[in-house]
Amino acid sequence: DVIFACGPAPMLRALKEYGAQKGIPVWISMEERMACGIGAC
């Protein structure tokens, strides 16, 4: 009924498309290079 996911962008992109096809909400935790970690930079 719902998907929670974390991983590399290609995996998250595929799950996003899968969720759209199946009508399942997909919540993703994105992996990105960070500097400040608090939203300022």
All heavy atoms as atom14 arrays in JSON, in Angstrom:
{
  "sequence": "DVIFACGPAPMLRALKEYGAQKGIPVWISMEERMACGIGAC",
  "atom14_mask": [
    [1, 1, 1, 1, 1, 1, 1, 1, 0, 0, 0, 0, 0, 0],
    [1, 1, 1, 1, 1, 1, 1, 0, 0, 0, 0, 0, 0, 0],
    [1, 1, 1, 1, 1, 1, 1, 1, 0, 0, 0, 0, 0, 0],
    [1, 1, 1, 1, 1, 1, 1, 1, 1, 1, 1, 0, 0, 0],
    [1, 1, 1, 1, 1, 0, 0, 0, 0, 0, 0, 0, 0, 0],
    [1, 1, 1, 1, 1, 1, 0, 0, 0, 0, 0, 0, 0, 0],
    [1, 1, 1, 1, 0, 0, 0, 0, 0, 0, 0, 0, 0, 0],
    [1, 1, 1, 1, 1, 1, 1, 0, 0, 0, 0, 0, 0, 0],
    [1, 1, 1, 1, 1, 0, 0, 0, 0, 0, 0, 0, 0, 0],
    [1, 1, 1, 1, 1, 1, 1, 0, 0, 0, 0, 0, 0, 0],
    [1, 1, 1, 1, 1, 1, 1, 1, 0, 0, 0, 0, 0, 0],
    [1, 1, 1, 1, 1, 1, 1, 1, 0, 0, 0, 0, 0, 0],
    [1, 1, 1, 1, 1, 1, 1, 1, 1, 1, 1, 0, 0, 0],
    [1, 1, 1, 1, 1, 0, 0, 0, 0, 0, 0, 0, 0, 0],
    [1, 1, 1, 1, 1, 1, 1, 1, 0, 0, 0, 0, 0, 0],
    [1, 1, 1, 1, 1, 1, 1, 1, 1, 0, 0, 0, 0, 0],
    [1, 1, 1, 1, 1, 1, 1, 1, 1, 0, 0, 0, 0, 0],
    [1, 1, 1, 1, 1, 1, 1, 1, 1, 1, 1, 1, 0, 0],
    [1, 1, 1, 1, 0, 0, 0, 0, 0, 0, 0, 0, 0, 0],
    [1, 1, 1, 1, 1, 0, 0, 0, 0, 0, 0, 0, 0, 0],
    [1, 1, 1, 1, 1, 1, 1, 1, 1, 0, 0, 0, 0, 0],
    [1, 1, 1, 1, 1, 1, 1, 1, 1, 0, 0, 0, 0, 0],
    [1, 1, 1, 1, 0, 0, 0, 0, 0, 0, 0, 0, 0, 0],
    [1, 1, 1, 1, 1, 1, 1, 1, 0, 0, 0, 0, 0, 0],
    [1, 1, 1, 1, 1, 1, 1, 0, 0, 0, 0, 0, 0, 0],
    [1, 1, 1, 1, 1, 1, 1, 0, 0, 0, 0, 0, 0, 0],
    [1, 1, 1, 1, 1, 1, 1, 1, 1, 1, 1, 1, 1, 1],
    [1, 1, 1, 1, 1, 1, 1, 1, 0, 0, 0, 0, 0, 0],
    [1, 1, 1, 1, 1, 1, 0, 0, 0, 0, 0, 0, 0, 0],
    [1, 1, 1, 1, 1, 1, 1, 1, 0, 0, 0, 0, 0, 0],
    [1, 1, 1, 1, 1, 1, 1, 1, 1, 0, 0, 0, 0, 0],
    [1, 1, 1, 1, 1, 1, 1, 1, 1, 0, 0, 0, 0, 0],
    [1, 1, 1, 1, 1, 1, 1, 1, 1, 1, 1, 0, 0, 0],
    [1, 1, 1, 1, 1, 1, 1, 1, 0, 0, 0, 0, 0, 0],
    [1, 1, 1, 1, 1, 0, 0, 0, 0, 0, 0, 0, 0, 0],
    [1, 1, 1, 1, 1, 1, 0, 0, 0, 0, 0, 0, 0, 0],
    [1, 1, 1, 1, 0, 0, 0, 0, 0, 0, 0, 0, 0, 0],
    [1, 1, 1, 1, 1, 1, 1, 1, 0, 0, 0, 0, 0, 0],
    [1, 1, 1, 1, 0, 0, 0, 0, 0, 0, 0, 0, 0, 0],
    [1, 1, 1, 1, 1, 0, 0, 0, 0, 0, 0, 0, 0, 0],
    [1, 1, 1, 1, 1, 1, 0, 0, 0, 0, 0, 0, 0, 0]
  ],
  "atom14_positions": [
    [[0.84, -1.21, 0.0], [0.0, 0.0, 0.0], [0.87, 1.26, 0.0], [0.43, 2.32, -0.42], [-0.91, 0.02, 1.24], [-1.83, -1.18, 1.3], [-2.45, -1.49, 0.26], [-1.92, -1.81, 2.37], [0.0, 0.0, 0.0], [0.0, 0.0, 0.0], [0.0, 0.0, 0.0], [0.0, 0.0, 0.0], [0.0, 0.0, 0.0], [0.0, 0.0, 0.0]],
    [[2.09, 1.11, 0.5], [3.02, 2.24, 0.56], [4.45, 1.68, 0.54], [4.7, 0.57, 1.03], [2.78, 3.11, 1.82], [3.02, 2.3, 3.09], [3.66, 4.35, 1.8], [0.0, 0.0, 0.0], [0.0, 0.0, 0.0], [0.0, 0.0, 0.0], [0.0, 0.0, 0.0], [0.0, 0.0, 0.0], [0.0, 0.0, 0.0], [0.0, 0.0, 0.0]],
    [[5.36, 2.44, -0.05], [6.77, 2.06, -0.12], [7.63, 3.15, 0.48], [7.46, 4.33, 0.17], [7.21, 1.81, -1.58], [6.44, 0.64, -2.19], [8.72, 1.56, -1.66], [6.72, 0.44, -3.68], [0.0, 0.0, 0.0], [0.0, 0.0, 0.0], [0.0, 0.0, 0.0], [0.0, 0.0, 0.0], [0.0, 0.0, 0.0], [0.0, 0.0, 0.0]],
    [[8.55, 2.76, 1.36], [9.59, 3.64, 1.88], [10.91, 3.11, 1.33], [11.18, 1.91, 1.38], [9.66, 3.61, 3.41], [8.48, 4.26, 4.11], [8.29, 4.06, 5.47], [7.58, 5.06, 3.43], [7.23, 4.65, 6.14], [6.51, 5.65, 4.09], [6.33, 5.45, 5.45], [0.0, 0.0, 0.0], [0.0, 0.0, 0.0], [0.0, 0.0, 0.0]],
    [[11.76, 4.01, 0.82], [12.98, 3.55, 0.18], [14.14, 4.5, 0.39], [13.95, 5.71, 0.55], [12.75, 3.35, -1.31], [0.0, 0.0, 0.0], [0.0, 0.0, 0.0], [0.0, 0.0, 0.0], [0.0, 0.0, 0.0], [0.0, 0.0, 0.0], [0.0, 0.0, 0.0], [0.0, 0.0, 0.0], [0.0, 0.0, 0.0], [0.0, 0.0, 0.0]],
    [[15.35, 3.94, 0.39], [16.58, 4.73, 0.46], [17.64, 4.02, -0.36], [17.83, 2.81, -0.22], [17.05, 4.9, 1.9], [18.51, 5.96, 2.07], [0.0, 0.0, 0.0], [0.0, 0.0, 0.0], [0.0, 0.0, 0.0], [0.0, 0.0, 0.0], [0.0, 0.0, 0.0], [0.0, 0.0, 0.0], [0.0, 0.0, 0.0], [0.0, 0.0, 0.0]],
    [[18.35, 4.79, -1.2], [19.38, 4.17, -2.01], [19.84, 5.09, -3.12], [19.49, 6.27, -3.14], [0.0, 0.0, 0.0], [0.0, 0.0, 0.0], [0.0, 0.0, 0.0], [0.0, 0.0, 0.0], [0.0, 0.0, 0.0], [0.0, 0.0, 0.0], [0.0, 0.0, 0.0], [0.0, 0.0, 0.0], [0.0, 0.0, 0.0], [0.0, 0.0, 0.0]],
    [[20.59, 4.57, -4.07], [21.1, 5.39, -5.16], [19.98, 5.88, -6.07], [18.91, 5.27, -6.16], [22.05, 4.44, -5.89], [21.58, 3.08, -5.54], [21.05, 3.18, -4.14], [0.0, 0.0, 0.0], [0.0, 0.0, 0.0], [0.0, 0.0, 0.0], [0.0, 0.0, 0.0], [0.0, 0.0, 0.0], [0.0, 0.0, 0.0], [0.0, 0.0, 0.0]],
    [[20.24, 6.97, -6.78], [19.23, 7.61, -7.62], [18.59, 6.68, -8.64], [17.36, 6.72, -8.82], [19.82, 8.84, -8.31], [0.0, 0.0, 0.0], [0.0, 0.0, 0.0], [0.0, 0.0, 0.0], [0.0, 0.0, 0.0], [0.0, 0.0, 0.0], [0.0, 0.0, 0.0], [0.0, 0.0, 0.0], [0.0, 0.0, 0.0], [0.0, 0.0, 0.0]],
    [[19.34, 5.82, -9.36], [18.68, 4.93, -10.32], [17.64, 4.02, -9.67], [16.57, 3.77, -10.25], [19.84, 4.13, -10.91], [21.03, 5.02, -10.75], [20.82, 5.71, -9.43], [0.0, 0.0, 0.0], [0.0, 0.0, 0.0], [0.0, 0.0, 0.0], [0.0, 0.0, 0.0], [0.0, 0.0, 0.0], [0.0, 0.0, 0.0], [0.0, 0.0, 0.0]],
    [[17.92, 3.54, -8.47], [16.97, 2.69, -7.77], [15.73, 3.49, -7.39], [14.59, 3.02, -7.58], [17.62, 2.12, -6.5], [16.74, 1.12, -5.76], [17.32, 0.78, -4.07], [16.4, 2.03, -3.15], [0.0, 0.0, 0.0], [0.0, 0.0, 0.0], [0.0, 0.0, 0.0], [0.0, 0.0, 0.0], [0.0, 0.0, 0.0], [0.0, 0.0, 0.0]],
    [[15.92, 4.69, -6.87], [14.78, 5.52, -6.46], [13.94, 5.93, -7.67], [12.71, 5.98, -7.59], [15.28, 6.76, -5.72], [16.07, 6.51, -4.43], [16.46, 7.84, -3.79], [15.28, 5.65, -3.44], [0.0, 0.0, 0.0], [0.0, 0.0, 0.0], [0.0, 0.0, 0.0], [0.0, 0.0, 0.0], [0.0, 0.0, 0.0], [0.0, 0.0, 0.0]],
    [[14.6, 6.2, -8.79], [13.88, 6.57, -10.01], [13.0, 5.41, -10.48], [11.84, 5.6, -10.86], [14.89, 6.96, -11.08], [14.27, 7.58, -12.34], [15.34, 7.97, -13.35], [16.31, 8.89, -12.77], [17.6, 8.61, -12.58], [18.1, 7.43, -12.92], [18.41, 9.5, -12.04], [0.0, 0.0, 0.0], [0.0, 0.0, 0.0], [0.0, 0.0, 0.0]],
    [[13.55, 4.2, -10.43], [12.79, 3.03, -10.84], [11.6, 2.79, -9.92], [10.5, 2.44, -10.38], [13.7, 1.8, -10.87], [0.0, 0.0, 0.0], [0.0, 0.0, 0.0], [0.0, 0.0, 0.0], [0.0, 0.0, 0.0], [0.0, 0.0, 0.0], [0.0, 0.0, 0.0], [0.0, 0.0, 0.0], [0.0, 0.0, 0.0], [0.0, 0.0, 0.0]],
    [[11.79, 2.98, -8.62], [10.69, 2.79, -7.67], [9.63, 3.87, -7.84], [8.42, 3.6, -7.68], [11.23, 2.8, -6.24], [12.01, 1.55, -5.82], [12.71, 1.79, -4.48], [11.08, 0.34, -5.71], [0.0, 0.0, 0.0], [0.0, 0.0, 0.0], [0.0, 0.0, 0.0], [0.0, 0.0, 0.0], [0.0, 0.0, 0.0], [0.0, 0.0, 0.0]],
    [[10.04, 5.08, -8.16], [9.08, 6.16, -8.42], [8.19, 5.79, -9.6], [6.96, 5.94, -9.54], [9.84, 7.46, -8.71], [8.93, 8.64, -9.07], [9.75, 9.89, -9.35], [8.86, 11.06, -9.76], [9.64, 12.3, -10.0], [0.0, 0.0, 0.0], [0.0, 0.0, 0.0], [0.0, 0.0, 0.0], [0.0, 0.0, 0.0], [0.0, 0.0, 0.0]],
    [[8.79, 5.27, -10.67], [8.03, 4.87, -11.85], [7.12, 3.68, -11.53], [5.96, 3.62, -11.97], [8.99, 4.51, -12.98], [9.79, 5.7, -13.5], [10.86, 5.3, -14.5], [11.0, 4.08, -14.76], [11.56, 6.2, -15.01], [0.0, 0.0, 0.0], [0.0, 0.0, 0.0], [0.0, 0.0, 0.0], [0.0, 0.0, 0.0], [0.0, 0.0, 0.0]],
    [[7.64, 2.73, -10.74], [6.86, 1.56, -10.35], [5.64, 1.99, -9.53], [4.52, 1.51, -9.76], [7.74, 0.62, -9.53], [7.05, -0.6, -8.98], [6.81, -1.71, -9.78], [6.65, -0.64, -7.64], [6.17, -2.83, -9.27], [6.02, -1.76, -7.12], [5.78, -2.85, -7.94], [5.15, -3.96, -7.43], [0.0, 0.0, 0.0], [0.0, 0.0, 0.0]],
    [[5.86, 2.91, -8.57], [4.76, 3.39, -7.75], [3.7, 4.11, -8.57], [2.5, 3.95, -8.34], [0.0, 0.0, 0.0], [0.0, 0.0, 0.0], [0.0, 0.0, 0.0], [0.0, 0.0, 0.0], [0.0, 0.0, 0.0], [0.0, 0.0, 0.0], [0.0, 0.0, 0.0], [0.0, 0.0, 0.0], [0.0, 0.0, 0.0], [0.0, 0.0, 0.0]],
    [[4.15, 4.9, -9.56], [3.19, 5.62, -10.42], [2.36, 4.64, -11.23], [1.14, 4.83, -11.41], [3.96, 6.57, -11.33], [0.0, 0.0, 0.0], [0.0, 0.0, 0.0], [0.0, 0.0, 0.0], [0.0, 0.0, 0.0], [0.0, 0.0, 0.0], [0.0, 0.0, 0.0], [0.0, 0.0, 0.0], [0.0, 0.0, 0.0], [0.0, 0.0, 0.0]],
    [[2.97, 3.57, -11.72], [2.26, 2.57, -12.51], [1.24, 1.81, -11.67], [0.15, 1.49, -12.14], [3.25, 1.59, -13.12], [4.18, 2.18, -14.17], [5.3, 1.24, -14.54], [5.39, 0.11, -14.06], [6.2, 1.71, -15.4], [0.0, 0.0, 0.0], [0.0, 0.0, 0.0], [0.0, 0.0, 0.0], [0.0, 0.0, 0.0], [0.0, 0.0, 0.0]],
    [[1.62, 1.51, -10.42], [0.77, 0.71, -9.54], [-0.18, 1.53, -8.67], [-1.02, 0.97, -7.96], [1.66, -0.14, -8.62], [2.55, -1.14, -9.34], [1.75, -2.28, -9.91], [2.66, -3.37, -10.47], [1.89, -4.52, -11.0], [0.0, 0.0, 0.0], [0.0, 0.0, 0.0], [0.0, 0.0, 0.0], [0.0, 0.0, 0.0], [0.0, 0.0, 0.0]],
    [[-0.03, 2.86, -8.69], [-0.84, 3.7, -7.83], [-0.45, 3.59, -6.37], [-1.32, 3.71, -5.48], [0.0, 0.0, 0.0], [0.0, 0.0, 0.0], [0.0, 0.0, 0.0], [0.0, 0.0, 0.0], [0.0, 0.0, 0.0], [0.0, 0.0, 0.0], [0.0, 0.0, 0.0], [0.0, 0.0, 0.0], [0.0, 0.0, 0.0], [0.0, 0.0, 0.0]],
    [[0.84, 3.37, -6.11], [1.35, 3.23, -4.74], [2.18, 4.45, -4.38], [3.11, 4.79, -5.11], [2.23, 1.97, -4.62], [1.48, 0.72, -5.06], [2.76, 1.81, -3.19], [2.37, -0.52, -5.17], [0.0, 0.0, 0.0], [0.0, 0.0, 0.0], [0.0, 0.0, 0.0], [0.0, 0.0, 0.0], [0.0, 0.0, 0.0], [0.0, 0.0, 0.0]],
    [[1.88, 5.13, -3.27], [2.73, 6.24, -2.85], [4.12, 5.74, -2.44], [4.23, 4.75, -1.73], [1.99, 6.86, -1.67], [1.08, 5.79, -1.18], [0.73, 4.95, -2.37], [0.0, 0.0, 0.0], [0.0, 0.0, 0.0], [0.0, 0.0, 0.0], [0.0, 0.0, 0.0], [0.0, 0.0, 0.0], [0.0, 0.0, 0.0], [0.0, 0.0, 0.0]],
    [[5.15, 6.41, -2.94], [6.53, 6.02, -2.66], [7.24, 7.19, -1.98], [7.32, 8.29, -2.54], [7.29, 5.65, -3.96], [8.73, 5.27, -3.64], [6.57, 4.52, -4.69], [0.0, 0.0, 0.0], [0.0, 0.0, 0.0], [0.0, 0.0, 0.0], [0.0, 0.0, 0.0], [0.0, 0.0, 0.0], [0.0, 0.0, 0.0], [0.0, 0.0, 0.0]],
    [[7.74, 6.94, -0.78], [8.5, 7.95, -0.04], [9.97, 7.57, -0.13], [10.34, 6.44, 0.21], [8.05, 8.01, 1.42], [6.65, 8.53, 1.58], [5.49, 7.8, 1.51], [6.26, 9.87, 1.84], [4.4, 8.62, 1.72], [4.85, 9.9, 1.92], [6.97, 11.06, 2.03], [4.13, 11.06, 2.16], [6.26, 12.24, 2.27], [4.86, 12.23, 2.33]],
    [[10.79, 8.49, -0.6], [12.2, 8.19, -0.85], [13.11, 9.05, 0.02], [12.84, 10.22, 0.26], [12.56, 8.39, -2.33], [12.27, 9.83, -2.78], [11.8, 7.39, -3.2], [12.76, 10.14, -4.17], [0.0, 0.0, 0.0], [0.0, 0.0, 0.0], [0.0, 0.0, 0.0], [0.0, 0.0, 0.0], [0.0, 0.0, 0.0], [0.0, 0.0, 0.0]],
    [[14.18, 8.44, 0.49], [15.23, 9.17, 1.2], [16.4, 9.31, 0.24], [16.99, 8.31, -0.19], [15.67, 8.41, 2.45], [16.71, 9.11, 3.12], [0.0, 0.0, 0.0], [0.0, 0.0, 0.0], [0.0, 0.0, 0.0], [0.0, 0.0, 0.0], [0.0, 0.0, 0.0], [0.0, 0.0, 0.0], [0.0, 0.0, 0.0], [0.0, 0.0, 0.0]],
    [[16.72, 10.55, -0.12], [17.7, 10.79, -1.17], [19.12, 10.88, -0.62], [19.37, 11.43, 0.46], [17.35, 12.09, -1.9], [16.0, 12.03, -2.59], [15.61, 13.53, -3.5], [16.83, 13.47, -4.82], [0.0, 0.0, 0.0], [0.0, 0.0, 0.0], [0.0, 0.0, 0.0], [0.0, 0.0, 0.0], [0.0, 0.0, 0.0], [0.0, 0.0, 0.0]],
    [[20.04, 10.32, -1.4], [21.46, 10.39, -1.07], [22.1, 11.51, -1.89], [22.1, 11.45, -3.12], [22.16, 9.07, -1.38], [21.64, 7.89, -0.58], [22.34, 6.59, -0.97], [23.01, 6.56, -2.01], [22.2, 5.61, -0.22], [0.0, 0.0, 0.0], [0.0, 0.0, 0.0], [0.0, 0.0, 0.0], [0.0, 0.0, 0.0], [0.0, 0.0, 0.0]],
    [[22.59, 12.53, -1.24], [23.25, 13.63, -1.93], [24.49, 14.05, -1.15], [24.54, 13.92, 0.08], [22.31, 14.85, -2.03], [21.15, 14.67, -2.98], [21.57, 14.72, -4.44], [22.67, 15.26, -4.72], [20.8, 14.23, -5.29], [0.0, 0.0, 0.0], [0.0, 0.0, 0.0], [0.0, 0.0, 0.0], [0.0, 0.0, 0.0], [0.0, 0.0, 0.0]],
    [[25.47, 14.58, -1.87], [26.62, 15.17, -1.19], [26.15, 16.42, -0.48], [25.43, 17.23, -1.04], [27.73, 15.52, -2.2], [28.42, 14.3, -2.8], [29.57, 14.71, -3.68], [30.26, 13.56, -4.22], [31.23, 12.92, -3.61], [31.64, 13.32, -2.4], [31.82, 11.89, -4.16], [0.0, 0.0, 0.0], [0.0, 0.0, 0.0], [0.0, 0.0, 0.0]],
    [[26.57, 16.58, 0.77], [26.14, 17.71, 1.57], [27.34, 18.47, 2.1], [28.43, 17.91, 2.26], [25.27, 17.25, 2.74], [23.98, 16.56, 2.32], [23.01, 16.05, 3.76], [21.69, 15.13, 2.94], [0.0, 0.0, 0.0], [0.0, 0.0, 0.0], [0.0, 0.0, 0.0], [0.0, 0.0, 0.0], [0.0, 0.0, 0.0], [0.0, 0.0, 0.0]],
    [[27.12, 19.74, 2.39], [28.18, 20.56, 2.97], [27.79, 20.97, 4.4], [28.25, 20.39, 5.37], [28.44, 21.78, 2.1], [0.0, 0.0, 0.0], [0.0, 0.0, 0.0], [0.0, 0.0, 0.0], [0.0, 0.0, 0.0], [0.0, 0.0, 0.0], [0.0, 0.0, 0.0], [0.0, 0.0, 0.0], [0.0, 0.0, 0.0], [0.0, 0.0, 0.0]],
    [[26.86, 21.93, 4.51], [26.52, 22.41, 5.85], [25.61, 21.45, 6.61], [25.68, 21.34, 7.82], [25.86, 23.79, 5.77], [24.18, 23.77, 5.08], [0.0, 0.0, 0.0], [0.0, 0.0, 0.0], [0.0, 0.0, 0.0], [0.0, 0.0, 0.0], [0.0, 0.0, 0.0], [0.0, 0.0, 0.0], [0.0, 0.0, 0.0], [0.0, 0.0, 0.0]],
    [[24.71, 20.77, 5.91], [23.78, 19.84, 6.54], [22.57, 20.48, 7.18], [21.72, 19.79, 7.74], [0.0, 0.0, 0.0], [0.0, 0.0, 0.0], [0.0, 0.0, 0.0], [0.0, 0.0, 0.0], [0.0, 0.0, 0.0], [0.0, 0.0, 0.0], [0.0, 0.0, 0.0], [0.0, 0.0, 0.0], [0.0, 0.0, 0.0], [0.0, 0.0, 0.0]],
    [[22.45, 21.82, 7.1], [21.34, 22.51, 7.76], [20.54, 23.38, 6.8], [19.69, 24.17, 7.23], [21.84, 23.36, 8.95], [22.88, 24.39, 8.47], [22.42, 22.46, 10.03], [23.31, 25.35, 9.58], [0.0, 0.0, 0.0], [0.0, 0.0, 0.0], [0.0, 0.0, 0.0], [0.0, 0.0, 0.0], [0.0, 0.0, 0.0], [0.0, 0.0, 0.0]],
    [[20.82, 23.3, 5.51], [20.0, 24.01, 4.53], [20.46, 25.4, 4.14], [19.76, 26.1, 3.41], [0.0, 0.0, 0.0], [0.0, 0.0, 0.0], [0.0, 0.0, 0.0], [0.0, 0.0, 0.0], [0.0, 0.0, 0.0], [0.0, 0.0, 0.0], [0.0, 0.0, 0.0], [0.0, 0.0, 0.0], [0.0, 0.0, 0.0], [0.0, 0.0, 0.0]],
    [[21.63, 25.83, 4.61], [22.07, 27.2, 4.34], [22.86, 27.35, 3.05], [22.8, 28.39, 2.4], [22.92, 27.69, 5.51], [0.0, 0.0, 0.0], [0.0, 0.0, 0.0], [0.0, 0.0, 0.0], [0.0, 0.0, 0.0], [0.0, 0.0, 0.0], [0.0, 0.0, 0.0], [0.0, 0.0, 0.0], [0.0, 0.0, 0.0], [0.0, 0.0, 0.0]],
    [[23.61, 26.33, 2.65], [24.58, 26.5, 1.56], [24.04, 26.12, 0.18], [24.65, 26.47, -0.83], [25.84, 25.7, 1.86], [25.6, 23.91, 1.73], [0.0, 0.0, 0.0], [0.0, 0.0, 0.0], [0.0, 0.0, 0.0], [0.0, 0.0, 0.0], [0.0, 0.0, 0.0], [0.0, 0.0, 0.0], [0.0, 0.0, 0.0], [0.0, 0.0, 0.0]]
  ]
}
